[in-house]
Amino acid sequence: MNIWAVPITPAYPEGEVYSLVYVSEGKRIIGYDNEHHGTGKSNHHKHLRNKIMPYPYKDMWAVISDFMDDVEKLRKGEL
């Protein structure tokens, strides 16, 4: 988990950059991040295996909780 405080911009209106990743055998299985990929606009999303989907950002504590919930679901075979 990496979380940085950054200046507030259109790309990072919450003033946070984050990347939370669960890797197994060298492959990303679960990932949450807000990388804007050069668009300059906020882009909260999550990766589940090979799928990328929008993530409804609330706050950083919710991101951490949701990420840990997904890791636990994976460990239980629910993802």
PDB file of N, CA and C in Angstrom:
ATOM      1  N   MET A   1       0.844  -1.172   0.000  1.00  0.00           N
ATOM      2  CA  MET A   1       0.000   0.000   0.000  1.00  0.00           C
ATOM      3  C   MET A   1       0.887   1.233   0.000  1.00  0.00           C
ATOM      4  N   ASN A   2       0.603   2.135  -0.924  1.00  0.00           N
ATOM      5  CA  ASN A   2       1.279   3.422  -0.978  1.00  0.00           C
ATOM      6  C   ASN A   2       0.216   4.507  -1.053  1.00  0.00           C
ATOM      7  N   ILE A   3       0.335   5.484  -0.176  1.00  0.00           N
ATOM      8  CA  ILE A   3      -0.590   6.611  -0.148  1.00  0.00           C
ATOM      9  C   ILE A   3       0.249   7.870   0.060  1.00  0.00           C
ATOM     10  N   TRP A   4       0.062   8.855  -0.811  1.00  0.00           N
ATOM     11  CA  TRP A   4       0.815  10.088  -0.720  1.00  0.00           C
ATOM     12  C   TRP A   4      -0.133  11.269  -0.603  1.00  0.00           C
ATOM     13  N   ALA A   5       0.223  12.248   0.202  1.00  0.00           N
ATOM     14  CA  ALA A   5      -0.477  13.537   0.227  1.00  0.00           C
ATOM     15  C   ALA A   5       0.153  14.394  -0.859  1.00  0.00           C
ATOM     16  N   VAL A   6      -0.680  14.972  -1.720  1.00  0.00           N
ATOM     17  CA  VAL A   6      -0.203  15.801  -2.828  1.00  0.00           C
ATOM     18  C   VAL A   6      -1.041  17.075  -2.876  1.00  0.00           C
ATOM     19  N   PRO A   7      -0.564  18.084  -3.599  1.00  0.00           N
ATOM     20  CA  PRO A   7      -1.388  19.288  -3.758  1.00  0.00           C
ATOM     21  C   PRO A   7      -2.712  18.944  -4.448  1.00  0.00           C
ATOM     22  N   ILE A   8      -3.759  19.637  -4.088  1.00  0.00           N
ATOM     23  CA  ILE A   8      -5.059  19.447  -4.724  1.00  0.00           C
ATOM     24  C   ILE A   8      -5.004  19.999  -6.143  1.00  0.00           C
ATOM     25  N   THR A   9      -5.391  19.152  -7.095  1.00  0.00           N
ATOM     26  CA  THR A   9      -5.435  19.505  -8.518  1.00  0.00           C
ATOM     27  C   THR A   9      -6.678  18.844  -9.122  1.00  0.00           C
ATOM     28  N   PRO A  10      -7.026  19.163 -10.388  1.00  0.00           N
ATOM     29  CA  PRO A  10      -8.146  18.449 -11.020  1.00  0.00           C
ATOM     30  C   PRO A  10      -7.908  16.929 -11.088  1.00  0.00           C
ATOM     31  N   ALA A  11      -6.658  16.521 -11.223  1.00  0.00           N
ATOM     32  CA  ALA A  11      -6.339  15.089 -11.279  1.00  0.00           C
ATOM     33  C   ALA A  11      -6.481  14.428  -9.910  1.00  0.00           C
ATOM     34  N   TYR A  12      -6.185  15.180  -8.857  1.00  0.00           N
ATOM     35  CA  TYR A  12      -6.222  14.641  -7.489  1.00  0.00           C
ATOM     36  C   TYR A  12      -6.971  15.614  -6.577  1.00  0.00           C
ATOM     37  N   PRO A  13      -8.288  15.744  -6.761  1.00  0.00           N
ATOM     38  CA  PRO A  13      -9.052  16.744  -6.002  1.00  0.00           C
ATOM     39  C   PRO A  13      -9.110  16.486  -4.497  1.00  0.00           C
ATOM     40  N   GLU A  14      -8.822  15.255  -4.079  1.00  0.00           N
ATOM     41  CA  GLU A  14      -8.804  14.947  -2.646  1.00  0.00           C
ATOM     42  C   GLU A  14      -7.437  15.208  -2.027  1.00  0.00           C
ATOM     43  N   GLY A  15      -6.440  15.521  -2.870  1.00  0.00           N
ATOM     44  CA  GLY A  15      -5.086  15.741  -2.364  1.00  0.00           C
ATOM     45  C   GLY A  15      -4.397  14.453  -1.962  1.00  0.00           C
ATOM     46  N   GLU A  16      -4.776  13.345  -2.603  1.00  0.00           N
ATOM     47  CA  GLU A  16      -4.207  12.031  -2.288  1.00  0.00           C
ATOM     48  C   GLU A  16      -3.941  11.255  -3.567  1.00  0.00           C
ATOM     49  N   VAL A  17      -2.816  10.584  -3.587  1.00  0.00           N
ATOM     50  CA  VAL A  17      -2.501   9.614  -4.631  1.00  0.00           C
ATOM     51  C   VAL A  17      -2.336   8.287  -3.917  1.00  0.00           C
ATOM     52  N   TYR A  18      -2.959   7.243  -4.451  1.00  0.00           N
ATOM     53  CA  TYR A  18      -2.866   5.956  -3.771  1.00  0.00           C
ATOM     54  C   TYR A  18      -2.726   4.809  -4.758  1.00  0.00           C
ATOM     55  N   SER A  19      -2.082   3.756  -4.289  1.00  0.00           N
ATOM     56  CA  SER A  19      -1.945   2.511  -5.037  1.00  0.00           C
ATOM     57  C   SER A  19      -1.901   1.383  -4.012  1.00  0.00           C
ATOM     58  N   LEU A  20      -2.948   0.575  -3.998  1.00  0.00           N
ATOM     59  CA  LEU A  20      -3.022  -0.573  -3.097  1.00  0.00           C
ATOM     60  C   LEU A  20      -3.092  -1.803  -3.995  1.00  0.00           C
ATOM     61  N   VAL A  21      -2.154  -2.715  -3.845  1.00  0.00           N
ATOM     62  CA  VAL A  21      -2.043  -3.835  -4.779  1.00  0.00           C
ATOM     63  C   VAL A  21      -1.802  -5.137  -4.039  1.00  0.00           C
ATOM     64  N   TYR A  22      -2.501  -6.182  -4.487  1.00  0.00           N
ATOM     65  CA  TYR A  22      -2.272  -7.549  -4.016  1.00  0.00           C
ATOM     66  C   TYR A  22      -1.721  -8.317  -5.211  1.00  0.00           C
ATOM     67  N   VAL A  23      -0.499  -8.845  -5.066  1.00  0.00           N
ATOM     68  CA  VAL A  23       0.198  -9.541  -6.143  1.00  0.00           C
ATOM     69  C   VAL A  23       0.439 -10.979  -5.725  1.00  0.00           C
ATOM     70  N   SER A  24       0.208 -11.898  -6.658  1.00  0.00           N
ATOM     71  CA  SER A  24       0.497 -13.309  -6.422  1.00  0.00           C
ATOM     72  C   SER A  24       1.196 -13.869  -7.654  1.00  0.00           C
ATOM     73  N   GLU A  25       2.295 -14.550  -7.435  1.00  0.00           N
ATOM     74  CA  GLU A  25       3.087 -15.146  -8.517  1.00  0.00           C
ATOM     75  C   GLU A  25       3.426 -14.121  -9.599  1.00  0.00           C
ATOM     76  N   GLY A  26       3.750 -12.912  -9.156  1.00  0.00           N
ATOM     77  CA  GLY A  26       4.168 -11.853 -10.067  1.00  0.00           C
ATOM     78  C   GLY A  26       3.051 -11.190 -10.844  1.00  0.00           C
ATOM     79  N   LYS A  27       1.789 -11.515 -10.531  1.00  0.00           N
ATOM     80  CA  LYS A  27       0.655 -10.922 -11.240  1.00  0.00           C
ATOM     81  C   LYS A  27      -0.234 -10.151 -10.276  1.00  0.00           C
ATOM     82  N   ARG A  28      -0.690  -8.969 -10.741  1.00  0.00           N
ATOM     83  CA  ARG A  28      -1.636  -8.193  -9.938  1.00  0.00           C
ATOM     84  C   ARG A  28      -2.975  -8.916  -9.949  1.00  0.00           C
ATOM     85  N   ILE A  29      -3.489  -9.209  -8.767  1.00  0.00           N
ATOM     86  CA  ILE A  29      -4.785  -9.855  -8.630  1.00  0.00           C
ATOM     87  C   ILE A  29      -5.845  -8.812  -8.268  1.00  0.00           C
ATOM     88  N   ILE A  30      -5.505  -7.950  -7.325  1.00  0.00           N
ATOM     89  CA  ILE A  30      -6.397  -6.871  -6.891  1.00  0.00           C
ATOM     90  C   ILE A  30      -5.579  -5.588  -6.844  1.00  0.00           C
ATOM     91  N   GLY A  31      -6.154  -4.504  -7.309  1.00  0.00           N
ATOM     92  CA  GLY A  31      -5.480  -3.215  -7.222  1.00  0.00           C
ATOM     93  C   GLY A  31      -6.484  -2.081  -7.148  1.00  0.00           C
ATOM     94  N   TYR A  32      -6.209  -1.118  -6.316  1.00  0.00           N
ATOM     95  CA  TYR A  32      -7.015   0.107  -6.220  1.00  0.00           C
ATOM     96  C   TYR A  32      -6.062   1.270  -6.452  1.00  0.00           C
ATOM     97  N   ASP A  33      -6.421   2.188  -7.352  1.00  0.00           N
ATOM     98  CA  ASP A  33      -5.569   3.359  -7.541  1.00  0.00           C
ATOM     99  C   ASP A  33      -6.362   4.487  -8.177  1.00  0.00           C
ATOM    100  N   ASN A  34      -5.729   5.657  -8.189  1.00  0.00           N
ATOM    101  CA  ASN A  34      -6.355   6.821  -8.804  1.00  0.00           C
ATOM    102  C   ASN A  34      -5.421   7.461  -9.828  1.00  0.00           C
ATOM    103  N   GLU A  35      -4.631   6.646 -10.499  1.00  0.00           N
ATOM    104  CA  GLU A  35      -3.757   7.129 -11.576  1.00  0.00           C
ATOM    105  C   GLU A  35      -4.638   7.703 -12.686  1.00  0.00           C
ATOM    106  N   HIS A  36      -4.316   8.894 -13.152  1.00  0.00           N
ATOM    107  CA  HIS A  36      -5.151   9.542 -14.171  1.00  0.00           C
ATOM    108  C   HIS A  36      -4.680   9.248 -15.588  1.00  0.00           C
ATOM    109  N   HIS A  37      -3.551   8.552 -15.750  1.00  0.00           N
ATOM    110  CA  HIS A  37      -3.040   8.111 -17.060  1.00  0.00           C
ATOM    111  C   HIS A  37      -2.951   9.252 -18.072  1.00  0.00           C
ATOM    112  N   GLY A  38      -2.499  10.399 -17.590  1.00  0.00           N
ATOM    113  CA  GLY A  38      -2.262  11.534 -18.476  1.00  0.00           C
ATOM    114  C   GLY A  38      -3.489  12.349 -18.846  1.00  0.00           C
ATOM    115  N   THR A  39      -4.656  11.997 -18.324  1.00  0.00           N
ATOM    116  CA  THR A  39      -5.868  12.740 -18.678  1.00  0.00           C
ATOM    117  C   THR A  39      -5.995  14.048 -17.909  1.00  0.00           C
ATOM    118  N   GLY A  40      -5.329  14.122 -16.745  1.00  0.00           N
ATOM    119  CA  GLY A  40      -5.445  15.305 -15.903  1.00  0.00           C
ATOM    120  C   GLY A  40      -6.737  15.355 -15.120  1.00  0.00           C
ATOM    121  N   LYS A  41      -7.534  14.273 -15.182  1.00  0.00           N
ATOM    122  CA  LYS A  41      -8.808  14.215 -14.462  1.00  0.00           C
ATOM    123  C   LYS A  41      -8.768  13.098 -13.431  1.00  0.00           C
ATOM    124  N   SER A  42      -9.523  13.264 -12.374  1.00  0.00           N
ATOM    125  CA  SER A  42      -9.598  12.256 -11.326  1.00  0.00           C
ATOM    126  C   SER A  42     -10.064  10.931 -11.921  1.00  0.00           C
ATOM    127  N   ASN A  43      -9.450   9.819 -11.483  1.00  0.00           N
ATOM    128  CA  ASN A  43      -9.756   8.514 -12.072  1.00  0.00           C
ATOM    129  C   ASN A  43      -9.650   7.414 -11.019  1.00  0.00           C
ATOM    130  N   HIS A  44     -10.578   7.368 -10.095  1.00  0.00           N
ATOM    131  CA  HIS A  44     -10.590   6.315  -9.089  1.00  0.00           C
ATOM    132  C   HIS A  44     -11.091   5.033  -9.751  1.00  0.00           C
ATOM    133  N   HIS A  45     -10.328   3.948  -9.609  1.00  0.00           N
ATOM    134  CA  HIS A  45     -10.735   2.686 -10.198  1.00  0.00           C
ATOM    135  C   HIS A  45     -10.084   1.529  -9.462  1.00  0.00           C
ATOM    136  N   LYS A  46     -10.605   0.314  -9.747  1.00  0.00           N
ATOM    137  CA  LYS A  46      -9.994  -0.864  -9.160  1.00  0.00           C
ATOM    138  C   LYS A  46      -9.807  -1.923 -10.232  1.00  0.00           C
ATOM    139  N   HIS A  47      -8.823  -2.764  -9.993  1.00  0.00           N
ATOM    140  CA  HIS A  47      -8.493  -3.872 -10.876  1.00  0.00           C
ATOM    141  C   HIS A  47      -8.834  -5.166 -10.143  1.00  0.00           C
ATOM    142  N   LEU A  48      -9.609  -6.018 -10.766  1.00  0.00           N
ATOM    143  CA  LEU A  48      -9.861  -7.365 -10.261  1.00  0.00           C
ATOM    144  C   LEU A  48      -9.437  -8.317 -11.367  1.00  0.00           C
ATOM    145  N   ARG A  49      -8.306  -8.970 -11.129  1.00  0.00           N
ATOM    146  CA  ARG A  49      -7.670  -9.802 -12.148  1.00  0.00           C
ATOM    147  C   ARG A  49      -7.483  -8.964 -13.407  1.00  0.00           C
ATOM    148  N   ASN A  50      -8.108  -9.308 -14.510  1.00  0.00           N
ATOM    149  CA  ASN A  50      -7.899  -8.576 -15.765  1.00  0.00           C
ATOM    150  C   ASN A  50      -8.963  -7.523 -16.044  1.00  0.00           C
ATOM    151  N   LYS A  51      -9.858  -7.273 -15.099  1.00  0.00           N
ATOM    152  CA  LYS A  51     -10.912  -6.286 -15.297  1.00  0.00           C
ATOM    153  C   LYS A  51     -10.559  -4.985 -14.571  1.00  0.00           C
ATOM    154  N   ILE A  52     -10.919  -3.871 -15.186  1.00  0.00           N
ATOM    155  CA  ILE A  52     -10.772  -2.555 -14.569  1.00  0.00           C
ATOM    156  C   ILE A  52     -12.159  -1.941 -14.497  1.00  0.00           C
ATOM    157  N   MET A  53     -12.523  -1.456 -13.314  1.00  0.00           N
ATOM    158  CA  MET A  53     -13.848  -0.865 -13.148  1.00  0.00           C
ATOM    159  C   MET A  53     -13.758   0.412 -12.321  1.00  0.00           C
ATOM    160  N   PRO A  54     -14.684   1.346 -12.535  1.00  0.00           N
ATOM    161  CA  PRO A  54     -14.697   2.563 -11.722  1.00  0.00           C
ATOM    162  C   PRO A  54     -14.857   2.215 -10.248  1.00  0.00           C
ATOM    163  N   TYR A  55     -14.256   3.025  -9.406  1.00  0.00           N
ATOM    164  CA  TYR A  55     -14.375   2.828  -7.964  1.00  0.00           C
ATOM    165  C   TYR A  55     -15.043   4.065  -7.366  1.00  0.00           C
ATOM    166  N   PRO A  56     -16.149   3.895  -6.645  1.00  0.00           N
ATOM    167  CA  PRO A  56     -16.859   5.039  -6.052  1.00  0.00           C
ATOM    168  C   PRO A  56     -16.143   5.549  -4.793  1.00  0.00           C
ATOM    169  N   TYR A  57     -15.184   6.427  -4.976  1.00  0.00           N
ATOM    170  CA  TYR A  57     -14.352   6.946  -3.889  1.00  0.00           C
ATOM    171  C   TYR A  57     -15.188   7.690  -2.856  1.00  0.00           C
ATOM    172  N   LYS A  58     -14.952   7.369  -1.576  1.00  0.00           N
ATOM    173  CA  LYS A  58     -15.569   8.092  -0.459  1.00  0.00           C
ATOM    174  C   LYS A  58     -14.492   8.846   0.304  1.00  0.00           C
ATOM    175  N   ASP A  59     -13.530   8.097   0.818  1.00  0.00           N
ATOM    176  CA  ASP A  59     -12.374   8.674   1.491  1.00  0.00           C
ATOM    177  C   ASP A  59     -11.299   7.583   1.577  1.00  0.00           C
ATOM    178  N   MET A  60     -10.122   7.967   2.036  1.00  0.00           N
ATOM    179  CA  MET A  60      -9.002   7.031   2.036  1.00  0.00           C
ATOM    180  C   MET A  60      -9.248   5.842   2.957  1.00  0.00           C
ATOM    181  N   TRP A  61      -9.937   6.057   4.073  1.00  0.00           N
ATOM    182  CA  TRP A  61     -10.213   4.939   4.986  1.00  0.00           C
ATOM    183  C   TRP A  61     -11.121   3.910   4.323  1.00  0.00           C
ATOM    184  N   ALA A  62     -12.066   4.373   3.507  1.00  0.00           N
ATOM    185  CA  ALA A  62     -12.950   3.452   2.785  1.00  0.00           C
ATOM    186  C   ALA A  62     -12.165   2.672   1.734  1.00  0.00           C
ATOM    187  N   VAL A  63     -11.207   3.326   1.057  1.00  0.00           N
ATOM    188  CA  VAL A  63     -10.374   2.630   0.067  1.00  0.00           C
ATOM    189  C   VAL A  63      -9.618   1.486   0.745  1.00  0.00           C
ATOM    190  N   ILE A  64      -8.996   1.785   1.866  1.00  0.00           N
ATOM    191  CA  ILE A  64      -8.234   0.758   2.583  1.00  0.00           C
ATOM    192  C   ILE A  64      -9.160  -0.375   3.014  1.00  0.00           C
ATOM    193  N   SER A  65     -10.318  -0.047   3.556  1.00  0.00           N
ATOM    194  CA  SER A  65     -11.268  -1.057   4.006  1.00  0.00           C
ATOM    195  C   SER A  65     -11.771  -1.911   2.840  1.00  0.00           C
ATOM    196  N   ASP A  66     -12.147  -1.281   1.736  1.00  0.00           N
ATOM    197  CA  ASP A  66     -12.651  -2.015   0.575  1.00  0.00           C
ATOM    198  C   ASP A  66     -11.573  -2.923  -0.012  1.00  0.00           C
ATOM    199  N   PHE A  67     -10.343  -2.421  -0.080  1.00  0.00           N
ATOM    200  CA  PHE A  67      -9.230  -3.237  -0.567  1.00  0.00           C
ATOM    201  C   PHE A  67      -9.032  -4.462   0.324  1.00  0.00           C
ATOM    202  N   MET A  68      -8.998  -4.245   1.633  1.00  0.00           N
ATOM    203  CA  MET A  68      -8.797  -5.364   2.556  1.00  0.00           C
ATOM    204  C   MET A  68      -9.969  -6.345   2.490  1.00  0.00           C
ATOM    205  N   ASP A  69     -11.191  -5.847   2.300  1.00  0.00           N
ATOM    206  CA  ASP A  69     -12.350  -6.731   2.134  1.00  0.00           C
ATOM    207  C   ASP A  69     -12.184  -7.606   0.894  1.00  0.00           C
ATOM    208  N   ASP A  70     -11.722  -7.020  -0.210  1.00  0.00           N
ATOM    209  CA  ASP A  70     -11.504  -7.810  -1.429  1.00  0.00           C
ATOM    210  C   ASP A  70     -10.401  -8.843  -1.235  1.00  0.00           C
ATOM    211  N   VAL A  71      -9.328  -8.484  -0.533  1.00  0.00           N
ATOM    212  CA  VAL A  71      -8.259  -9.452  -0.248  1.00  0.00           C
ATOM    213  C   VAL A  71      -8.812 -10.613   0.577  1.00  0.00           C
ATOM    214  N   GLU A  72      -9.621 -10.302   1.556  1.00  0.00           N
ATOM    215  CA  GLU A  72     -10.206 -11.361   2.387  1.00  0.00           C
ATOM    216  C   GLU A  72     -11.141 -12.253   1.561  1.00  0.00           C
ATOM    217  N   LYS A  73     -11.946 -11.656   0.680  1.00  0.00           N
ATOM    218  CA  LYS A  73     -12.818 -12.440  -0.193  1.00  0.00           C
ATOM    219  C   LYS A  73     -11.987 -13.360  -1.095  1.00  0.00           C
ATOM    220  N   LEU A  74     -10.878 -12.844  -1.601  1.00  0.00           N
ATOM    221  CA  LEU A  74      -9.992 -13.657  -2.441  1.00  0.00           C
ATOM    222  C   LEU A  74      -9.460 -14.847  -1.640  1.00  0.00           C
ATOM    223  N   ARG A  75      -9.021 -14.585  -0.426  1.00  0.00           N
ATOM    224  CA  ARG A  75      -8.466 -15.648   0.414  1.00  0.00           C
ATOM    225  C   ARG A  75      -9.509 -16.715   0.710  1.00  0.00           C
ATOM    226  N   LYS A  76     -10.790 -16.318   0.782  1.00  0.00           N
ATOM    227  CA  LYS A  76     -11.880 -17.267   1.058  1.00  0.00           C
ATOM    228  C   LYS A  76     -12.408 -17.934  -0.214  1.00  0.00           C
ATOM    229  N   GLY A  77     -11.850 -17.550  -1.374  1.00  0.00           N
ATOM    230  CA  GLY A  77     -12.299 -18.112  -2.640  1.00  0.00           C
ATOM    231  C   GLY A  77     -13.566 -17.486  -3.178  1.00  0.00           C
ATOM    232  N   GLU A  78     -13.928 -16.303  -2.677  1.00  0.00           N
ATOM    233  CA  GLU A  78     -15.147 -15.625  -3.108  1.00  0.00           C
ATOM    234  C   GLU A  78     -14.932 -14.671  -4.282  1.00  0.00           C
ATOM    235  N   LEU A  79     -13.681 -14.457  -4.668  1.00  0.00           N
ATOM    236  CA  LEU A  79     -13.391 -13.598  -5.839  1.00  0.00           C
ATOM    237  C   LEU A  79     -12.705 -14.410  -6.907  1.00  0.00           C
TER     238      LEU A  79
END
